[in-house]
N, C-alpha and C. Protein backbone atom coordinates (compact mmCIF):
# COMPACT_ATOMS: atom_id res chain seq x y z
N UNK A 1 121.57 118.39 101.66
CA UNK A 1 120.48 117.08 101.83
C UNK A 1 121.23 115.80 101.59
N UNK A 2 122.27 115.86 100.70
CA UNK A 2 122.96 114.59 100.40
C UNK A 2 124.10 114.19 101.18
N UNK A 3 124.47 114.82 102.38
CA UNK A 3 125.31 114.72 103.29
C UNK A 3 124.70 113.75 104.41
N UNK A 4 124.78 112.68 104.24
CA UNK A 4 124.22 111.70 105.29
C UNK A 4 124.55 111.85 106.81
N UNK A 5 125.77 112.18 107.02
CA UNK A 5 126.26 112.40 108.32
C UNK A 5 125.59 113.63 108.90
N UNK A 6 125.53 114.73 108.12
CA UNK A 6 124.90 116.11 108.52
C UNK A 6 123.41 115.81 108.87
N UNK A 7 122.95 115.13 107.81
CA UNK A 7 121.44 114.98 108.01
C UNK A 7 121.12 114.27 109.40
N UNK A 8 121.87 113.22 109.44
CA UNK A 8 121.59 112.29 110.62
C UNK A 8 121.79 113.17 112.02
N UNK A 9 122.72 114.02 111.86
CA UNK A 9 123.08 114.76 113.33
C UNK A 9 121.92 115.81 113.41
N UNK A 10 121.45 116.41 112.50
CA UNK A 10 120.22 117.42 112.55
C UNK A 10 119.21 116.42 112.90
N UNK A 11 118.76 115.39 112.49
CA UNK A 11 117.68 114.75 112.99
C UNK A 11 117.80 114.21 114.46
N UNK A 12 119.10 113.82 114.87
CA UNK A 12 119.19 113.33 116.04
C UNK A 12 119.21 114.70 117.36
N UNK A 13 119.66 115.84 116.70
CA UNK A 13 119.74 117.09 117.65
C UNK A 13 118.29 117.45 117.70
N UNK A 14 117.31 117.47 116.72
CA UNK A 14 116.08 117.88 116.88
C UNK A 14 115.16 117.00 117.50
N UNK A 15 115.44 115.79 117.44
CA UNK A 15 114.68 114.56 118.08
C UNK A 15 114.73 114.83 119.65
N UNK A 16 115.85 115.29 120.17
CA UNK A 16 115.84 115.65 121.76
C UNK A 16 115.15 116.99 121.96
N UNK A 17 114.67 117.67 121.09
CA UNK A 17 113.77 119.02 121.36
C UNK A 17 112.65 118.50 121.61
N UNK A 18 112.01 119.37 122.58
CA UNK A 18 110.51 119.17 122.90
C UNK A 18 109.67 119.80 121.72
N UNK A 19 108.68 118.92 121.24
CA UNK A 19 107.73 119.31 120.43
C UNK A 19 108.14 119.93 119.32
N UNK A 20 109.12 119.06 118.60
CA UNK A 20 109.62 119.54 117.32
C UNK A 20 108.93 118.94 116.02
N UNK A 21 107.88 118.38 116.18
CA UNK A 21 107.30 117.64 115.01
C UNK A 21 106.83 118.80 114.13
N UNK A 22 106.39 120.07 114.67
CA UNK A 22 105.97 121.17 113.59
C UNK A 22 107.17 121.77 113.08
N UNK A 23 108.25 121.47 113.31
CA UNK A 23 109.36 122.14 112.70
C UNK A 23 109.81 121.59 111.22
N UNK A 24 109.83 122.74 110.35
CA UNK A 24 110.07 122.20 108.99
C UNK A 24 111.35 121.80 108.61
N UNK A 25 112.36 122.32 109.39
CA UNK A 25 113.69 121.80 109.26
C UNK A 25 113.87 120.36 109.65
N UNK A 26 112.90 119.92 110.77
CA UNK A 26 113.02 118.53 111.13
C UNK A 26 112.49 117.58 110.06
N UNK A 27 111.20 118.08 109.57
CA UNK A 27 110.71 117.43 108.47
C UNK A 27 111.59 117.17 107.31
N UNK A 28 112.16 118.30 106.81
CA UNK A 28 113.02 118.23 105.65
C UNK A 28 114.42 117.22 106.05
N UNK A 29 114.86 117.23 107.18
CA UNK A 29 115.90 116.46 107.55
C UNK A 29 115.56 115.06 107.48
N UNK A 30 114.45 114.66 108.25
CA UNK A 30 113.92 113.37 108.30
C UNK A 30 113.86 112.88 106.68
N UNK A 31 113.14 113.64 105.97
CA UNK A 31 112.84 113.24 104.63
C UNK A 31 114.17 112.93 103.81
N UNK A 32 115.24 113.81 104.04
CA UNK A 32 116.41 113.64 103.42
C UNK A 32 117.16 112.37 103.76
N UNK A 33 117.01 112.05 105.24
CA UNK A 33 117.66 110.93 105.69
C UNK A 33 116.95 109.59 105.10
N UNK A 34 115.52 109.70 105.04
CA UNK A 34 114.95 108.65 104.31
C UNK A 34 115.36 108.41 103.01
N UNK A 35 115.42 109.53 102.20
CA UNK A 35 115.86 109.39 100.86
C UNK A 35 117.26 108.97 100.70
N UNK A 36 118.12 109.35 101.58
CA UNK A 36 119.55 108.98 101.64
C UNK A 36 119.69 107.36 101.77
N UNK A 37 118.97 107.02 102.80
CA UNK A 37 119.05 105.41 103.27
C UNK A 37 117.68 105.08 103.85
N UNK A 38 116.79 104.66 102.86
CA UNK A 38 115.43 104.02 103.31
C UNK A 38 115.52 103.25 104.28
N UNK A 39 114.58 103.31 105.39
CA UNK A 39 114.53 102.12 106.40
C UNK A 39 113.03 102.16 107.01
N UNK A 40 112.83 101.11 107.63
CA UNK A 40 111.57 101.10 108.23
C UNK A 40 111.26 102.10 109.24
N UNK A 41 112.44 102.40 110.07
CA UNK A 41 112.45 103.48 111.13
C UNK A 41 112.19 104.82 110.60
N UNK A 42 112.88 105.22 109.65
CA UNK A 42 112.85 106.46 108.97
C UNK A 42 111.31 106.75 108.31
N UNK A 43 110.88 105.70 107.65
CA UNK A 43 109.61 105.77 107.10
C UNK A 43 108.55 105.99 108.08
N UNK A 44 108.70 105.28 109.38
CA UNK A 44 107.76 105.47 110.52
C UNK A 44 107.86 106.69 110.89
N UNK A 45 109.02 107.24 110.92
CA UNK A 45 109.20 108.76 111.42
C UNK A 45 108.55 109.66 110.74
N UNK A 46 108.52 109.38 109.41
CA UNK A 46 108.11 110.34 108.44
C UNK A 46 106.43 110.15 108.55
N UNK A 47 106.02 109.04 108.84
CA UNK A 47 104.43 108.75 109.05
C UNK A 47 104.10 109.72 110.19
N UNK A 48 104.74 109.54 111.29
CA UNK A 48 104.49 110.32 112.38
C UNK A 48 104.37 111.92 112.32
N UNK A 49 105.35 112.31 111.53
CA UNK A 49 105.52 113.95 111.22
C UNK A 49 104.35 114.20 110.42
N UNK A 50 104.03 113.23 109.28
CA UNK A 50 102.89 113.98 108.56
C UNK A 50 101.63 113.87 109.01
N UNK A 51 101.56 112.76 110.07
CA UNK A 51 100.25 112.51 110.75
C UNK A 51 99.92 113.71 111.72
N UNK A 52 101.08 114.30 112.26
CA UNK A 52 101.01 115.22 113.21
C UNK A 52 100.44 116.42 112.55
N UNK A 53 100.81 116.58 111.33
CA UNK A 53 100.29 117.66 110.41
C UNK A 53 99.02 117.59 109.68
N UNK A 54 98.13 116.51 110.04
CA UNK A 54 97.14 116.12 109.21
C UNK A 54 97.35 115.98 107.76
N UNK A 55 98.67 115.47 107.30
CA UNK A 55 98.77 115.42 105.96
C UNK A 55 98.55 113.84 105.70
N UNK A 56 97.39 113.25 105.73
CA UNK A 56 97.14 111.93 105.81
C UNK A 56 97.52 111.10 104.54
N UNK A 57 97.58 111.77 103.40
CA UNK A 57 97.96 110.88 102.13
C UNK A 57 99.54 110.59 102.40
N UNK A 58 100.35 111.54 102.67
CA UNK A 58 101.74 111.19 102.93
C UNK A 58 101.96 110.18 104.25
N UNK A 59 100.99 110.46 105.19
CA UNK A 59 101.13 109.50 106.48
C UNK A 59 100.84 108.12 106.06
N UNK A 60 99.85 107.95 105.28
CA UNK A 60 99.47 106.62 104.83
C UNK A 60 100.56 105.80 104.02
N UNK A 61 101.07 106.81 103.07
CA UNK A 61 102.12 106.22 102.21
C UNK A 61 103.38 105.77 102.96
N UNK A 62 103.78 106.58 103.84
CA UNK A 62 105.06 106.27 104.56
C UNK A 62 104.76 105.13 105.58
N UNK A 63 103.77 105.13 106.19
CA UNK A 63 103.44 103.84 107.26
C UNK A 63 103.37 102.56 106.35
N UNK A 64 102.97 102.62 105.10
CA UNK A 64 102.70 101.41 104.38
C UNK A 64 104.35 100.99 103.86
N UNK A 65 105.14 102.14 103.68
CA UNK A 65 106.57 101.85 103.28
C UNK A 65 107.27 101.26 104.42
N UNK A 66 107.11 101.76 105.57
CA UNK A 66 107.43 101.12 106.94
C UNK A 66 107.32 99.66 107.09
N UNK A 67 106.01 99.34 106.83
CA UNK A 67 105.54 97.98 106.92
C UNK A 67 106.43 96.99 105.90
N UNK A 68 106.57 97.64 104.83
CA UNK A 68 107.07 96.74 103.55
C UNK A 68 108.51 96.87 103.52
N UNK A 69 109.22 97.75 104.29
CA UNK A 69 110.63 97.82 104.19
C UNK A 69 111.38 96.68 104.50
N UNK A 70 112.50 96.37 103.67
CA UNK A 70 113.22 95.02 103.75
C UNK A 70 113.66 94.99 105.24
N UNK A 71 114.13 95.92 105.86
CA UNK A 71 114.72 95.79 107.28
C UNK A 71 113.61 95.65 108.34
N UNK A 72 112.21 95.71 108.11
CA UNK A 72 111.14 95.62 109.04
C UNK A 72 111.02 94.27 109.59
N UNK A 73 111.17 94.12 111.03
CA UNK A 73 111.06 92.97 111.65
C UNK A 73 109.45 92.54 111.56
N UNK A 74 109.12 91.39 111.77
CA UNK A 74 107.63 90.92 111.62
C UNK A 74 106.94 91.71 112.78
N UNK A 75 107.53 91.61 114.00
CA UNK A 75 106.63 92.10 115.15
C UNK A 75 106.38 93.73 114.73
N UNK A 76 107.46 94.33 114.37
CA UNK A 76 107.36 95.84 114.01
C UNK A 76 106.33 96.00 113.05
N UNK A 77 106.41 95.09 111.85
CA UNK A 77 105.52 95.37 110.74
C UNK A 77 104.10 95.12 111.18
N UNK A 78 103.84 94.30 112.30
CA UNK A 78 102.58 94.03 112.73
C UNK A 78 101.88 95.19 113.46
N UNK A 79 102.93 95.75 114.34
CA UNK A 79 102.47 96.85 115.07
C UNK A 79 102.25 98.04 114.01
N UNK A 80 103.09 98.12 113.05
CA UNK A 80 102.54 99.14 112.10
C UNK A 80 101.37 99.14 111.34
N UNK A 81 101.12 97.73 111.10
CA UNK A 81 99.83 97.37 110.41
C UNK A 81 98.57 97.68 111.46
N UNK A 82 98.72 97.46 112.60
CA UNK A 82 97.60 97.70 113.59
C UNK A 82 97.58 99.24 113.71
N UNK A 83 98.56 99.94 113.58
CA UNK A 83 98.32 101.60 113.87
C UNK A 83 97.78 102.04 112.52
N UNK A 84 97.98 101.42 111.43
CA UNK A 84 97.57 101.67 110.24
C UNK A 84 95.94 101.42 110.17
N UNK A 85 95.65 100.36 110.89
CA UNK A 85 94.25 100.09 110.89
C UNK A 85 93.53 101.13 111.76
N UNK A 86 94.22 101.55 112.95
CA UNK A 86 93.40 102.63 113.87
C UNK A 86 93.35 103.81 113.18
N UNK A 87 94.32 104.33 112.18
CA UNK A 87 94.18 105.67 111.61
C UNK A 87 93.16 105.70 110.70
N UNK A 88 93.15 104.35 109.65
CA UNK A 88 92.04 104.19 108.70
C UNK A 88 90.72 104.47 109.43
N UNK A 89 90.55 103.81 110.67
CA UNK A 89 89.23 103.85 111.12
C UNK A 89 88.86 105.11 111.68
N UNK A 90 90.00 105.87 112.21
CA UNK A 90 89.80 107.33 112.82
C UNK A 90 89.38 108.06 111.46
N UNK A 91 89.86 107.90 110.33
CA UNK A 91 89.47 108.64 109.24
C UNK A 91 88.47 108.18 108.30
N UNK A 92 87.52 107.38 108.93
CA UNK A 92 86.48 106.92 108.49
C UNK A 92 86.62 105.80 107.20
N UNK A 93 87.81 105.17 107.09
CA UNK A 93 87.91 104.28 106.11
C UNK A 93 88.06 102.88 106.39
N UNK A 94 86.72 102.46 106.84
CA UNK A 94 86.39 101.17 107.44
C UNK A 94 87.08 99.95 106.84
N UNK A 95 86.75 99.89 105.51
CA UNK A 95 87.17 98.61 104.73
C UNK A 95 88.67 98.54 104.76
N UNK A 96 89.43 99.59 104.76
CA UNK A 96 90.97 99.58 104.57
C UNK A 96 91.45 99.15 106.15
N UNK A 97 90.67 99.71 107.15
CA UNK A 97 90.86 99.51 108.65
C UNK A 97 90.74 97.99 108.88
N UNK A 98 89.85 97.40 108.27
CA UNK A 98 89.58 95.90 108.50
C UNK A 98 90.66 95.14 107.84
N UNK A 99 90.90 95.43 106.66
CA UNK A 99 92.00 94.68 106.05
C UNK A 99 93.47 94.88 106.65
N UNK A 100 93.74 95.89 107.12
CA UNK A 100 95.00 96.33 107.86
C UNK A 100 95.01 95.53 109.29
N UNK A 101 93.85 95.42 109.98
CA UNK A 101 93.92 94.67 111.35
C UNK A 101 94.07 93.25 110.95
N UNK A 102 93.41 92.60 110.09
CA UNK A 102 93.68 91.41 109.76
C UNK A 102 95.12 91.04 109.37
N UNK A 103 95.53 91.80 108.50
CA UNK A 103 97.23 91.61 108.18
C UNK A 103 97.84 91.75 109.41
N UNK A 104 97.64 92.55 110.57
CA UNK A 104 98.32 92.57 111.67
C UNK A 104 98.43 91.09 112.46
N UNK A 105 97.40 90.44 112.37
CA UNK A 105 97.27 89.30 113.00
C UNK A 105 98.02 88.21 112.27
N UNK A 106 97.94 88.30 110.91
CA UNK A 106 98.79 87.54 109.99
C UNK A 106 100.35 87.57 110.30
N UNK A 107 100.78 88.68 110.69
CA UNK A 107 102.20 88.95 110.69
C UNK A 107 102.54 88.61 112.16
N UNK A 108 101.66 88.77 113.14
CA UNK A 108 102.06 88.47 114.51
C UNK A 108 100.80 88.09 115.44
N UNK A 109 100.53 87.03 115.75
CA UNK A 109 99.35 86.67 116.34
C UNK A 109 99.17 87.13 117.80
N UNK A 110 100.29 87.75 118.34
CA UNK A 110 99.93 88.46 119.59
C UNK A 110 99.20 89.53 119.45
N UNK A 111 98.93 90.09 118.41
CA UNK A 111 97.82 91.18 117.97
C UNK A 111 96.45 90.78 117.71
N UNK A 112 96.08 89.31 117.94
CA UNK A 112 94.92 88.71 117.72
C UNK A 112 93.78 89.56 118.61
N UNK A 113 94.10 89.53 119.94
CA UNK A 113 92.88 90.13 120.65
C UNK A 113 92.61 91.50 120.25
N UNK A 114 93.69 92.44 120.25
CA UNK A 114 93.39 93.96 119.86
C UNK A 114 92.95 94.04 118.48
N UNK A 115 93.51 93.32 117.53
CA UNK A 115 93.03 93.47 116.18
C UNK A 115 91.55 93.00 116.07
N UNK A 116 91.21 91.94 116.83
CA UNK A 116 89.69 91.29 116.71
C UNK A 116 88.71 92.24 117.33
N UNK A 117 89.26 93.05 118.52
CA UNK A 117 88.40 94.01 119.06
C UNK A 117 88.10 95.20 118.25
N UNK A 118 89.19 95.64 117.43
CA UNK A 118 88.97 96.65 116.58
C UNK A 118 88.12 96.39 115.59
N UNK A 119 88.32 95.17 114.70
CA UNK A 119 87.39 94.86 113.84
C UNK A 119 85.83 94.60 114.16
N UNK A 120 85.74 94.27 115.50
CA UNK A 120 84.36 94.12 116.10
C UNK A 120 83.76 95.67 116.09
N UNK A 121 84.66 96.65 116.35
CA UNK A 121 84.00 97.85 116.68
C UNK A 121 83.95 98.61 115.18
N UNK A 122 84.78 98.10 114.19
CA UNK A 122 84.46 98.48 112.88
C UNK A 122 83.11 97.95 112.34
N UNK A 123 82.92 96.62 112.50
CA UNK A 123 81.48 96.18 112.18
C UNK A 123 80.32 96.85 112.92
N UNK A 124 80.64 97.14 114.03
CA UNK A 124 79.56 97.79 114.95
C UNK A 124 79.31 99.12 114.46
N UNK A 125 80.20 99.78 113.95
CA UNK A 125 80.08 101.11 113.22
C UNK A 125 79.65 101.32 111.89
N UNK A 126 79.39 100.11 111.22
CA UNK A 126 79.25 99.96 109.86
C UNK A 126 77.68 100.13 109.48
N UNK A 127 77.41 101.11 108.75
CA UNK A 127 75.83 101.12 108.41
C UNK A 127 75.64 100.57 107.01
N UNK A 128 74.69 99.41 106.90
CA UNK A 128 74.59 98.93 105.67
C UNK A 128 73.04 99.35 105.33
N UNK A 129 73.01 99.58 103.89
CA UNK A 129 71.77 99.78 103.39
C UNK A 129 70.71 98.46 103.14
N UNK A 130 69.72 98.76 102.54
CA UNK A 130 68.76 97.60 102.43
C UNK A 130 67.74 97.45 103.39
N UNK A 131 67.26 96.34 103.56
CA UNK A 131 66.20 96.21 104.54
C UNK A 131 66.33 96.06 105.89
N UNK A 132 65.46 95.46 106.74
CA UNK A 132 65.58 95.32 108.13
C UNK A 132 66.60 94.30 108.57
N UNK A 133 66.68 93.33 107.79
CA UNK A 133 67.76 92.20 108.35
C UNK A 133 69.14 92.75 107.72
N UNK A 134 69.35 93.48 106.64
CA UNK A 134 70.57 93.75 105.86
C UNK A 134 71.15 94.86 106.94
N UNK A 135 70.39 95.79 107.43
CA UNK A 135 70.87 96.91 108.35
C UNK A 135 71.34 96.47 109.76
N UNK A 136 70.82 95.27 110.22
CA UNK A 136 71.29 94.81 111.51
C UNK A 136 72.42 93.54 111.45
N UNK A 137 72.58 92.97 110.38
CA UNK A 137 73.49 91.97 110.28
C UNK A 137 74.75 92.22 110.54
N UNK A 138 75.22 93.53 110.24
CA UNK A 138 76.73 93.79 110.70
C UNK A 138 76.95 93.57 112.27
N UNK A 139 75.99 93.70 112.93
CA UNK A 139 76.06 93.44 114.56
C UNK A 139 76.53 91.90 114.90
N UNK A 140 75.80 90.94 114.00
CA UNK A 140 76.34 89.59 114.09
C UNK A 140 77.64 89.23 114.01
N UNK A 141 78.40 90.10 113.03
CA UNK A 141 79.77 90.15 112.75
C UNK A 141 80.48 90.53 113.90
N UNK A 142 80.07 91.72 114.28
CA UNK A 142 80.70 92.57 115.45
C UNK A 142 80.83 91.73 116.63
N UNK A 143 79.75 90.90 116.92
CA UNK A 143 79.72 90.31 118.22
C UNK A 143 80.67 89.09 117.88
N UNK A 144 80.71 88.53 116.66
CA UNK A 144 81.50 87.47 116.45
C UNK A 144 82.97 87.62 116.92
N UNK A 145 83.44 88.83 116.26
CA UNK A 145 84.83 89.37 116.50
C UNK A 145 85.16 89.72 117.82
N UNK A 146 84.16 90.22 118.67
CA UNK A 146 84.35 90.72 120.08
C UNK A 146 84.52 89.32 120.93
N UNK A 147 83.64 88.30 120.59
CA UNK A 147 83.88 87.00 121.38
C UNK A 147 85.37 86.47 121.14
N UNK A 148 85.61 86.46 119.90
CA UNK A 148 87.00 85.99 119.44
C UNK A 148 88.16 86.77 120.17
N UNK A 149 87.91 88.14 120.29
CA UNK A 149 88.97 88.99 121.01
C UNK A 149 89.07 88.67 122.49
N UNK A 150 87.89 88.37 123.02
CA UNK A 150 87.80 88.19 124.57
C UNK A 150 88.47 86.78 124.85
N UNK A 151 88.34 85.93 123.97
CA UNK A 151 88.89 84.57 124.13
C UNK A 151 90.33 84.57 123.81
N UNK A 152 90.83 85.46 123.05
CA UNK A 152 92.32 85.66 122.65
C UNK A 152 92.99 86.34 123.82
N UNK A 153 92.27 87.42 124.46
CA UNK A 153 92.99 88.34 125.43
C UNK A 153 91.86 88.58 126.58
N UNK A 154 92.13 88.19 127.67
CA UNK A 154 91.19 88.18 128.65
C UNK A 154 91.29 89.46 129.33
N UNK A 155 92.33 90.39 128.96
CA UNK A 155 92.40 91.89 129.64
C UNK A 155 91.33 92.63 128.88
N UNK A 156 90.87 92.12 127.92
CA UNK A 156 89.85 92.95 127.03
C UNK A 156 88.25 92.42 127.17
N UNK A 157 88.17 91.51 128.31
CA UNK A 157 86.89 91.00 128.53
C UNK A 157 85.76 91.93 128.96
N UNK A 158 86.10 92.89 129.75
CA UNK A 158 85.11 93.81 130.24
C UNK A 158 84.62 94.81 129.04
N UNK A 159 85.67 95.23 128.24
CA UNK A 159 85.22 96.02 127.05
C UNK A 159 84.62 95.29 126.02
N UNK A 160 84.93 94.12 125.92
CA UNK A 160 84.18 93.20 124.83
C UNK A 160 82.64 92.84 125.33
N UNK A 161 82.64 92.55 126.76
CA UNK A 161 81.34 92.11 127.21
C UNK A 161 80.33 93.49 127.12
N UNK A 162 80.87 94.62 127.31
CA UNK A 162 80.20 95.85 127.46
C UNK A 162 79.54 96.16 125.85
N UNK A 163 80.45 95.83 124.98
CA UNK A 163 80.11 96.20 123.54
C UNK A 163 79.12 95.05 122.87
N UNK A 164 79.46 93.89 123.47
CA UNK A 164 78.62 92.59 123.13
C UNK A 164 77.18 92.84 123.66
N UNK A 165 76.91 93.47 124.80
CA UNK A 165 75.66 93.71 125.27
C UNK A 165 74.92 94.90 124.40
N UNK A 166 75.78 95.77 124.10
CA UNK A 166 75.15 97.13 123.29
C UNK A 166 74.78 96.43 121.81
N UNK A 167 75.63 95.77 121.17
CA UNK A 167 75.38 95.31 119.95
C UNK A 167 74.08 94.36 119.95
N UNK A 168 74.28 93.45 120.80
CA UNK A 168 73.15 92.36 120.88
C UNK A 168 71.80 93.06 120.83
N UNK A 169 71.67 94.06 121.52
CA UNK A 169 70.36 94.83 121.56
C UNK A 169 69.94 95.26 120.26
N UNK A 170 70.64 95.28 119.25
CA UNK A 170 70.52 95.56 118.08
C UNK A 170 69.98 94.49 117.14
N UNK A 171 70.31 93.38 117.70
CA UNK A 171 69.89 92.14 116.79
C UNK A 171 68.38 92.27 116.39
N UNK A 172 67.86 91.74 115.22
CA UNK A 172 66.42 91.89 114.82
C UNK A 172 65.41 90.95 115.86
N UNK A 173 64.35 91.47 116.02
CA UNK A 173 63.49 90.66 116.86
C UNK A 173 62.93 89.27 116.28
N UNK A 174 62.97 88.20 116.84
CA UNK A 174 62.54 86.92 116.43
C UNK A 174 61.41 86.97 115.37
N UNK A 175 60.25 87.47 115.63
CA UNK A 175 59.08 87.53 114.99
C UNK A 175 59.44 88.33 113.52
N UNK A 176 60.12 89.27 113.75
CA UNK A 176 60.32 90.20 112.37
C UNK A 176 61.29 89.46 111.56
N UNK A 177 62.44 88.74 112.10
CA UNK A 177 63.20 87.92 111.40
C UNK A 177 62.54 86.75 110.58
N UNK A 178 61.62 86.19 111.19
CA UNK A 178 60.80 85.12 110.78
C UNK A 178 59.90 85.68 109.42
N UNK A 179 59.47 86.85 109.49
CA UNK A 179 58.94 87.39 108.36
C UNK A 179 59.58 87.52 107.20
N UNK A 180 61.14 87.52 107.57
CA UNK A 180 62.05 87.80 106.26
C UNK A 180 62.56 86.43 105.97
N UNK A 181 62.14 85.21 106.62
CA UNK A 181 62.41 83.88 106.35
C UNK A 181 63.98 83.82 106.90
N UNK A 182 64.14 84.34 108.02
CA UNK A 182 65.64 84.15 108.49
C UNK A 182 65.38 83.94 109.88
N UNK A 183 66.05 82.72 110.34
CA UNK A 183 66.11 82.03 111.61
C UNK A 183 67.23 81.84 112.45
N UNK A 184 67.04 81.78 113.87
CA UNK A 184 68.26 81.56 114.66
C UNK A 184 69.10 80.46 114.32
N UNK A 185 70.36 80.49 114.09
CA UNK A 185 71.40 79.48 113.77
C UNK A 185 71.60 79.38 112.29
N UNK A 186 70.84 80.01 111.50
CA UNK A 186 71.20 80.07 109.96
C UNK A 186 72.28 80.84 109.73
N UNK A 187 73.18 80.25 108.66
CA UNK A 187 74.33 80.84 108.31
C UNK A 187 73.98 82.12 107.34
N UNK A 188 74.59 83.12 107.30
CA UNK A 188 74.41 84.34 106.75
C UNK A 188 75.54 85.09 106.40
N UNK A 189 75.83 85.49 105.13
CA UNK A 189 76.92 86.33 104.53
C UNK A 189 76.52 87.79 104.51
N UNK A 190 77.23 88.55 105.12
CA UNK A 190 77.15 89.93 105.17
C UNK A 190 78.15 90.74 104.38
N UNK A 191 77.77 91.54 103.28
CA UNK A 191 78.67 92.15 102.37
C UNK A 191 78.10 93.62 102.43
N UNK A 192 78.97 94.47 102.88
CA UNK A 192 78.57 95.90 102.99
C UNK A 192 79.89 96.67 103.18
N UNK A 193 79.98 97.91 102.66
CA UNK A 193 81.01 98.83 102.73
C UNK A 193 82.48 98.29 102.26
N UNK A 194 82.50 97.53 101.43
CA UNK A 194 83.56 96.84 100.88
C UNK A 194 84.19 95.79 101.76
N UNK A 195 83.35 95.32 102.70
CA UNK A 195 83.67 94.16 103.43
C UNK A 195 82.89 93.00 103.34
N UNK A 196 83.27 91.92 103.86
CA UNK A 196 82.45 90.62 103.58
C UNK A 196 82.92 89.73 104.67
N UNK A 197 81.70 89.19 105.39
CA UNK A 197 82.14 88.04 106.38
C UNK A 197 80.88 87.21 106.57
N UNK A 198 81.13 85.75 106.96
CA UNK A 198 80.31 84.82 107.15
C UNK A 198 79.90 85.00 108.66
N UNK A 199 78.57 84.77 109.25
CA UNK A 199 78.16 84.79 110.40
C UNK A 199 77.03 83.89 110.40
N UNK A 200 76.40 84.10 111.78
CA UNK A 200 75.16 83.35 112.19
C UNK A 200 74.17 84.28 112.55
N UNK A 201 72.86 83.98 112.15
CA UNK A 201 71.80 84.68 112.61
C UNK A 201 71.32 84.45 114.11
N UNK A 202 71.27 85.61 114.81
CA UNK A 202 70.80 85.61 116.09
C UNK A 202 69.54 86.75 116.27
N UNK A 203 68.55 86.37 117.17
CA UNK A 203 67.58 87.24 117.32
C UNK A 203 67.40 87.50 118.89
N UNK A 204 66.50 88.65 118.97
CA UNK A 204 66.28 89.03 120.45
C UNK A 204 64.76 88.05 120.54
N UNK A 205 64.91 87.43 121.70
CA UNK A 205 63.54 86.58 121.96
C UNK A 205 62.55 87.44 122.38
């Protein structure tokens, strides 16, 4: 394991093989390569190997190490952050997905459209407890982010418009909102599931 050249050669050889992600030797060799000389690429490789085995605790750890590695370029770190957001969402960790997607935009604004689209779907899938308004408020935030995503990346327009139409149908009825002293155009803060956002009240007429 301490022989860097041998370990690197094993990794290169097995990387050329088909479907080697389930090979124990490959996992051990990549782990040894990372331990001998940590880098963003070797940490990312370990993330992929552990994710393929559904070993998510290690997968998250190595992907975060790839993001924070001294040799990670900003655009690579942004890509890793976006990938981290998608796997957090896949595994039901919405608040962590939300944070990771925001960080991807901070690192590289070319991810703005995709990240905002992802955040829109996160809010659209978030179920908030409480009353009539509280349960529907996340859809306002979801639509906010989908509009931002559409404005940032025109290639997402069709997908954004489809979800905007879907989520808008869940806005509260105007008469019902009035009963709760909530009116169109009013500012509103949504706090739910470890996430928080400011939005604007909208109703179905």
